[in-house]
Amino acid sequence: QVQLVESGGDLVQPGGSLRLSCTASRSIFSFNTMEWYRQAPGKQRELVAGITSGSGTYYRGSVKGRFTISRDNEKNTVYLQMNSLKPEDTAVYYCNSIPNVPWGQGTQVTVSS
C-alpha cells in the first residue's frame, strides 16, 4: 500500500515563501504524474499543479508564476516551491498521483500577517 506524507507547511506572512515536500512509501514516481491539491475551509479540494513522468508541468491560473512543482524520482519526492504567497493560498495542501492512491494527511499552509 502506497503512503503519501506531506510536509513543509507553516504560518507565513503575505509575500513569503514555503517549500512543500511529498514523499511516497514506495517508488511510483518513475511512472506516474504527480499532483498537488489544496483545500481551504468550507471549499472543495482543488488542483494546484502537476508534473508528468517526463517532468512536464501545469498549474492553475492563480498560482502560475508564483509556484513551481518539481520531482526527485530517486528520493520518491515531489516538491512545491511557493513564492509571493497570498492569504488566499491558505489551505491544507495534499499530493497524489495519477491514478490516485489513498490521500495523506496533508500539510497546513497559513498566510497571514
C-alpha atoms as a PDB file:
ATOM      1  CA  GLN A   1       0.000   0.000   0.000  1.00  0.00           C
ATOM      2  CA  VAL A   2       1.434   3.339  -1.054  1.00  0.00           C
ATOM      3  CA  GLN A   3       1.501   6.055   1.577  1.00  0.00           C
ATOM      4  CA  LEU A   4       1.961   9.739   0.857  1.00  0.00           C
ATOM      5  CA  VAL A   5       3.450  12.027   3.504  1.00  0.00           C
ATOM      6  CA  GLU A   6       3.256  15.773   3.002  1.00  0.00           C
ATOM      7  CA  SER A   7       5.372  18.222   4.992  1.00  0.00           C
ATOM      8  CA  GLY A   8       6.676  21.777   4.987  1.00  0.00           C
ATOM      9  CA  GLY A   9       3.528  23.727   5.797  1.00  0.00           C
ATOM     10  CA  ASP A  10       3.747  26.660   8.175  1.00  0.00           C
ATOM     11  CA  LEU A  11       2.416  30.088   9.088  1.00  0.00           C
ATOM     12  CA  VAL A  12       3.971  32.698   6.801  1.00  0.00           C
ATOM     13  CA  GLN A  13       3.395  36.385   6.130  1.00  0.00           C
ATOM     14  CA  PRO A  14       1.996  37.607   2.818  1.00  0.00           C
ATOM     15  CA  GLY A  15       4.776  37.772   0.256  1.00  0.00           C
ATOM     16  CA  GLY A  16       6.695  34.973   1.955  1.00  0.00           C
ATOM     17  CA  SER A  17       7.820  31.601   0.618  1.00  0.00           C
ATOM     18  CA  LEU A  18       7.495  27.957   1.565  1.00  0.00           C
ATOM     19  CA  ARG A  19       8.616  24.668   0.047  1.00  0.00           C
ATOM     20  CA  LEU A  20       6.328  21.694   0.477  1.00  0.00           C
ATOM     21  CA  SER A  21       7.504  18.098   0.144  1.00  0.00           C
ATOM     22  CA  CYS A  22       5.589  14.910  -0.540  1.00  0.00           C
ATOM     23  CA  THR A  23       7.300  11.561  -0.140  1.00  0.00           C
ATOM     24  CA  ALA A  24       5.832   8.225  -1.188  1.00  0.00           C
ATOM     25  CA  SER A  25       6.358   4.987   0.651  1.00  0.00           C
ATOM     26  CA  ARG A  26       7.450   3.197  -2.468  1.00  0.00           C
ATOM     27  CA  SER A  27       8.547   4.124  -5.918  1.00  0.00           C
ATOM     28  CA  ILE A  28       5.633   5.334  -8.025  1.00  0.00           C
ATOM     29  CA  PHE A  29       7.307   8.444  -9.297  1.00  0.00           C
ATOM     30  CA  SER A  30       9.063   6.947 -12.252  1.00  0.00           C
ATOM     31  CA  PHE A  31       5.788   6.110 -13.941  1.00  0.00           C
ATOM     32  CA  ASN A  32       3.117   8.456 -12.650  1.00  0.00           C
ATOM     33  CA  THR A  33       2.074  12.040 -12.963  1.00  0.00           C
ATOM     34  CA  MET A  34       2.148  13.661  -9.512  1.00  0.00           C
ATOM     35  CA  GLU A  35      -0.137  16.496  -8.471  1.00  0.00           C
ATOM     36  CA  TRP A  36      -0.534  18.959  -5.623  1.00  0.00           C
ATOM     37  CA  TYR A  37      -4.024  19.870  -4.419  1.00  0.00           C
ATOM     38  CA  ARG A  38      -5.312  22.184  -1.719  1.00  0.00           C
ATOM     39  CA  GLN A  39      -8.469  22.505   0.308  1.00  0.00           C
ATOM     40  CA  ALA A  40      -9.468  25.675   2.121  1.00  0.00           C
ATOM     41  CA  PRO A  41     -12.066  25.593   4.928  1.00  0.00           C
ATOM     42  CA  GLY A  42     -15.559  25.206   3.519  1.00  0.00           C
ATOM     43  CA  LYS A  43     -14.303  24.756  -0.051  1.00  0.00           C
ATOM     44  CA  GLN A  44     -13.790  21.882  -2.442  1.00  0.00           C
ATOM     45  CA  ARG A  45     -10.355  20.379  -2.915  1.00  0.00           C
ATOM     46  CA  GLU A  46      -8.750  21.948  -5.990  1.00  0.00           C
ATOM     47  CA  LEU A  47      -5.842  21.082  -8.235  1.00  0.00           C
ATOM     48  CA  VAL A  48      -2.845  23.373  -7.803  1.00  0.00           C
ATOM     49  CA  ALA A  49      -0.108  21.921 -10.006  1.00  0.00           C
ATOM     50  CA  GLY A  50       1.041  18.735 -11.668  1.00  0.00           C
ATOM     51  CA  ILE A  51       4.193  17.195 -13.081  1.00  0.00           C
ATOM     52  CA  THR A  52       4.313  14.312 -15.539  1.00  0.00           C
ATOM     53  CA  SER A  53       6.753  11.410 -15.553  1.00  0.00           C
ATOM     54  CA  GLY A  54       8.647  13.345 -18.222  1.00  0.00           C
ATOM     55  CA  SER A  55       8.716  16.453 -15.984  1.00  0.00           C
ATOM     56  CA  GLY A  56       6.163  18.392 -17.975  1.00  0.00           C
ATOM     57  CA  THR A  57       4.332  20.791 -15.639  1.00  0.00           C
ATOM     58  CA  TYR A  58       0.961  22.521 -15.400  1.00  0.00           C
ATOM     59  CA  TYR A  59      -0.572  24.974 -12.914  1.00  0.00           C
ATOM     60  CA  ARG A  60      -3.880  26.519 -12.006  1.00  0.00           C
ATOM     61  CA  GLY A  61      -4.016  30.094 -13.213  1.00  0.00           C
ATOM     62  CA  SER A  62      -3.954  31.757  -9.805  1.00  0.00           C
ATOM     63  CA  VAL A  63      -0.565  30.250  -8.883  1.00  0.00           C
ATOM     64  CA  LYS A  64       1.162  30.402 -12.260  1.00  0.00           C
ATOM     65  CA  GLY A  65       4.398  32.356 -11.987  1.00  0.00           C
ATOM     66  CA  ARG A  66       4.454  32.037  -8.188  1.00  0.00           C
ATOM     67  CA  PHE A  67       4.540  28.262  -7.588  1.00  0.00           C
ATOM     68  CA  THR A  68       6.948  25.699  -9.046  1.00  0.00           C
ATOM     69  CA  ILE A  69       6.446  21.933  -8.924  1.00  0.00           C
ATOM     70  CA  SER A  70       9.402  19.580  -9.247  1.00  0.00           C
ATOM     71  CA  ARG A  71      10.196  15.938  -8.603  1.00  0.00           C
ATOM     72  CA  ASP A  72      13.126  13.776  -7.499  1.00  0.00           C
ATOM     73  CA  ASN A  73      12.435  10.199  -8.568  1.00  0.00           C
ATOM     74  CA  GLU A  74      15.437   8.829  -6.663  1.00  0.00           C
ATOM     75  CA  LYS A  75      14.026  10.263  -3.430  1.00  0.00           C
ATOM     76  CA  ASN A  76      10.400   9.393  -4.299  1.00  0.00           C
ATOM     77  CA  THR A  77       9.606  13.031  -3.550  1.00  0.00           C
ATOM     78  CA  VAL A  78       7.679  15.796  -5.259  1.00  0.00           C
ATOM     79  CA  TYR A  79       8.115  19.426  -4.201  1.00  0.00           C
ATOM     80  CA  LEU A  80       6.042  22.585  -4.415  1.00  0.00           C
ATOM     81  CA  GLN A  81       8.009  25.805  -4.149  1.00  0.00           C
ATOM     82  CA  MET A  82       5.588  28.597  -3.266  1.00  0.00           C
ATOM     83  CA  ASN A  83       6.671  32.225  -3.575  1.00  0.00           C
ATOM     84  CA  SER A  84       4.825  35.521  -3.187  1.00  0.00           C
ATOM     85  CA  LEU A  85       2.258  33.818  -1.001  1.00  0.00           C
ATOM     86  CA  LYS A  86      -1.156  35.440  -0.564  1.00  0.00           C
ATOM     87  CA  PRO A  87      -3.812  34.993   2.135  1.00  0.00           C
ATOM     88  CA  GLU A  88      -5.981  33.181  -0.421  1.00  0.00           C
ATOM     89  CA  ASP A  89      -3.305  30.464  -0.641  1.00  0.00           C
ATOM     90  CA  THR A  90      -4.222  29.418   2.906  1.00  0.00           C
ATOM     91  CA  ALA A  91      -5.319  25.771   2.822  1.00  0.00           C
ATOM     92  CA  VAL A  92      -4.341  22.215   3.616  1.00  0.00           C
ATOM     93  CA  TYR A  93      -2.108  21.009   0.789  1.00  0.00           C
ATOM     94  CA  TYR A  94      -2.133  17.408  -0.406  1.00  0.00           C
ATOM     95  CA  CYS A  95      -0.304  15.457  -3.085  1.00  0.00           C
ATOM     96  CA  ASN A  96      -1.437  12.469  -5.074  1.00  0.00           C
ATOM     97  CA  SER A  97      -0.572  10.508  -8.166  1.00  0.00           C
ATOM     98  CA  ILE A  98      -2.476   9.687 -11.324  1.00  0.00           C
ATOM     99  CA  PRO A  99      -4.024   7.192 -10.856  1.00  0.00           C
ATOM    100  CA  ASN A 100      -4.933   8.216  -7.319  1.00  0.00           C
ATOM    101  CA  VAL A 101      -3.714   6.358  -4.252  1.00  0.00           C
ATOM    102  CA  PRO A 102      -5.049   6.864  -0.692  1.00  0.00           C
ATOM    103  CA  TRP A 103      -4.735  10.512   0.393  1.00  0.00           C
ATOM    104  CA  GLY A 104      -2.186  11.525   3.006  1.00  0.00           C
ATOM    105  CA  GLN A 105      -2.858  13.788   5.971  1.00  0.00           C
ATOM    106  CA  GLY A 106      -1.864  16.964   4.152  1.00  0.00           C
ATOM    107  CA  THR A 107       0.159  19.901   5.419  1.00  0.00           C
ATOM    108  CA  GLN A 108      -1.320  23.204   6.611  1.00  0.00           C
ATOM    109  CA  VAL A 109      -0.257  26.433   4.932  1.00  0.00           C
ATOM    110  CA  THR A 110      -1.466  29.641   6.559  1.00  0.00           C
ATOM    111  CA  VAL A 111      -0.674  33.010   5.013  1.00  0.00           C
ATOM    112  CA  SER A 112      -1.435  35.814   7.416  1.00  0.00           C
ATOM    113  CA  SER A 113       0.096  38.928   8.888  1.00  0.00           C
END
